[in-house]
Amino acid sequence: MKHQQSGFTLVELVVVIVILGILAATALPRFINLTEDANISAANGMAGGLRSAAGVVQARFFATGTNSSPVSMADGTTVTVNTATGLPTADAAGIVAAMQSTDGFTVNHATVAGVPTSTFALAKTTTCLVTYTETTGAVSTAAVTAANC
């Protein structure tokens, strides 16, 4: 009676290990720089939140019909608005109150060329910026680039 051995030979195992090594070497660069992508995504998420918050506050301003500031939101939050546009003001009582959370971002309020703005910088990198403009409600992501984030 002949006994047959089962299993893999040493050569077969080495070939499999070499193939796995090649696959790992080609896939690794795709996962190296996830921080940059995560920062860009966080900044774009903040931009979306700012647009939504400004839209909801402006809608509440017009829906109440009082044309006065501050606007009382449904959850009890009060948001200071520009009474000419109904948009949140570019300060802590305005757009920051409308957002309710700016975790992971540092906020700076300033007047640029006579226009009140709020800049939301990703706390991990001060160059990855999202800017909110009070007079138009525009949210700029011009500084959300691979070089800045």
Protein backbone atom coordinates (compact mmCIF):
# COMPACT_ATOMS: atom_id res chain seq x y z
CA MET A 1 0.00 0.00 0.00
CA LYS A 2 1.36 3.30 -1.10
CA HIS A 3 1.10 6.26 1.29
CA GLN A 4 0.43 9.59 -0.38
CA GLN A 5 1.56 12.82 1.28
CA SER A 6 -0.67 15.89 1.16
CA GLY A 7 0.16 19.56 1.61
CA PHE A 8 2.15 22.26 -0.08
CA THR A 9 5.76 22.10 -1.09
CA LEU A 10 8.26 24.66 0.09
CA VAL A 11 8.47 26.14 -3.41
CA GLU A 12 4.70 26.65 -3.57
CA LEU A 13 4.70 28.42 -0.20
CA VAL A 14 7.56 30.71 -1.24
CA VAL A 15 5.73 31.62 -4.47
CA VAL A 16 2.58 32.53 -2.51
CA ILE A 17 4.57 34.67 -0.08
CA VAL A 18 6.29 36.49 -2.97
CA ILE A 19 2.93 37.17 -4.66
CA LEU A 20 1.47 38.50 -1.40
CA GLY A 21 4.52 40.74 -0.96
CA ILE A 22 4.10 42.21 -4.44
CA LEU A 23 0.40 42.86 -3.82
CA ALA A 24 1.15 44.54 -0.49
CA ALA A 25 3.85 46.74 -2.06
CA THR A 26 1.50 47.97 -4.77
CA ALA A 27 -1.46 48.55 -2.43
CA LEU A 28 0.48 50.27 0.36
CA PRO A 29 0.90 53.71 -1.30
CA ARG A 30 -2.89 54.01 -1.61
CA PHE A 31 -3.23 53.88 2.18
CA ILE A 32 -0.20 55.95 3.18
CA ASN A 33 -1.67 59.46 2.93
CA LEU A 34 -5.17 59.10 4.33
CA THR A 35 -4.67 62.08 6.67
CA GLU A 36 -4.80 64.56 3.80
CA ASP A 37 -8.01 63.00 2.47
CA ALA A 38 -9.54 62.98 5.96
CA ASN A 39 -8.71 66.68 6.48
CA ILE A 40 -10.23 67.62 3.12
CA SER A 41 -13.35 65.60 3.93
CA ALA A 42 -13.68 67.23 7.37
CA ALA A 43 -13.37 70.71 5.85
CA ASN A 44 -15.92 69.90 3.15
CA GLY A 45 -18.24 68.54 5.84
CA MET A 46 -17.93 71.80 7.76
CA ALA A 47 -18.71 73.72 4.56
CA GLY A 48 -21.84 71.65 4.01
CA GLY A 49 -22.90 72.18 7.61
CA LEU A 50 -22.41 75.94 7.30
CA ARG A 51 -24.51 76.09 4.13
CA SER A 52 -27.28 74.06 5.72
CA ALA A 53 -27.26 76.04 8.97
CA ALA A 54 -27.41 79.36 7.11
CA GLY A 55 -30.29 78.09 4.96
CA VAL A 56 -32.29 76.78 7.90
CA VAL A 57 -31.84 79.98 9.91
CA GLN A 58 -32.78 82.15 6.93
CA ALA A 59 -35.88 80.02 6.29
CA ARG A 60 -36.90 80.34 9.96
CA PHE A 61 -36.33 84.12 9.77
CA PHE A 62 -38.71 84.48 6.82
CA ALA A 63 -41.20 81.92 8.13
CA THR A 64 -41.70 83.78 11.41
CA GLY A 65 -42.34 87.02 9.54
CA THR A 66 -41.06 89.18 12.39
CA ASN A 67 -37.94 90.37 10.55
CA SER A 68 -36.13 90.81 13.84
CA SER A 69 -33.03 89.41 15.44
CA PRO A 70 -32.36 87.01 17.12
CA VAL A 71 -34.25 84.15 15.52
CA SER A 72 -35.54 81.42 17.83
CA MET A 73 -35.02 77.99 16.32
CA ALA A 74 -37.31 75.03 16.96
CA ASP A 75 -34.84 73.44 19.40
CA GLY A 76 -34.67 76.62 21.52
CA THR A 77 -31.38 77.90 20.09
CA THR A 78 -31.30 81.62 19.39
CA VAL A 79 -29.31 82.83 16.41
CA THR A 80 -28.41 86.45 15.72
CA VAL A 81 -29.17 87.35 12.11
CA ASN A 82 -28.59 90.19 9.69
CA THR A 83 -32.11 91.67 9.50
CA ALA A 84 -31.64 92.73 5.87
CA THR A 85 -30.97 89.17 4.64
CA GLY A 86 -32.05 86.83 7.44
CA LEU A 87 -28.64 85.16 7.31
CA PRO A 88 -26.72 84.39 10.52
CA THR A 89 -24.19 87.01 11.53
CA ALA A 90 -20.51 86.12 11.20
CA ASP A 91 -19.87 85.75 14.93
CA ALA A 92 -20.36 83.40 17.86
CA ALA A 93 -23.99 84.42 18.36
CA GLY A 94 -24.74 83.95 14.66
CA ILE A 95 -23.26 81.22 12.50
CA VAL A 96 -21.49 79.43 15.36
CA ALA A 97 -24.75 79.26 17.33
CA ALA A 98 -26.51 78.00 14.21
CA MET A 99 -23.90 75.26 13.77
CA GLN A 100 -24.12 74.30 17.48
CA SER A 101 -20.83 72.40 17.21
CA THR A 102 -17.51 73.36 15.69
CA ASP A 103 -15.48 70.56 17.26
CA GLY A 104 -12.12 70.09 15.58
CA PHE A 105 -12.12 73.61 14.12
CA THR A 106 -10.88 76.95 15.41
CA VAL A 107 -13.10 79.89 14.54
CA ASN A 108 -11.94 83.42 13.76
CA HIS A 109 -14.32 86.32 13.14
CA ALA A 110 -13.13 89.36 11.21
CA THR A 111 -14.22 92.07 8.84
CA VAL A 112 -12.51 91.74 5.47
CA ALA A 113 -12.89 94.74 3.13
CA GLY A 114 -15.95 95.85 5.10
CA VAL A 115 -17.61 92.42 4.95
CA PRO A 116 -18.05 90.39 8.16
CA THR A 117 -16.65 86.88 7.76
CA SER A 118 -16.05 83.84 9.91
CA THR A 119 -13.15 81.52 9.13
CA PHE A 120 -13.24 77.92 10.29
CA ALA A 121 -9.74 76.40 10.33
CA LEU A 122 -9.15 72.72 10.84
CA ALA A 123 -7.48 72.52 14.26
CA LYS A 124 -4.82 70.10 12.99
CA THR A 125 -3.68 72.46 10.24
CA THR A 126 -4.29 76.20 10.23
CA THR A 127 -4.20 76.51 6.44
CA CYS A 128 -7.20 74.26 5.69
CA LEU A 129 -9.91 76.96 5.86
CA VAL A 130 -13.62 77.30 5.21
CA THR A 131 -14.95 80.87 5.10
CA TYR A 132 -18.52 82.07 5.76
CA THR A 133 -19.58 85.53 4.52
CA GLU A 134 -22.43 87.19 6.44
CA THR A 135 -23.79 89.47 3.72
CA THR A 136 -24.34 86.74 1.12
CA GLY A 137 -24.27 83.54 3.16
CA ALA A 138 -21.60 82.26 0.77
CA VAL A 139 -19.32 79.51 2.03
CA SER A 140 -15.92 79.34 0.38
CA THR A 141 -13.78 76.23 0.22
CA ALA A 142 -11.08 77.83 -1.94
CA ALA A 143 -8.43 77.04 0.72
CA VAL A 144 -9.48 73.39 0.99
CA THR A 145 -6.77 71.94 -1.22
CA ALA A 146 -4.34 69.07 -0.97
CA ALA A 147 -1.51 71.55 -0.40
CA ASN A 148 -3.33 73.26 2.49
CA CYS A 149 -4.86 70.28 4.20
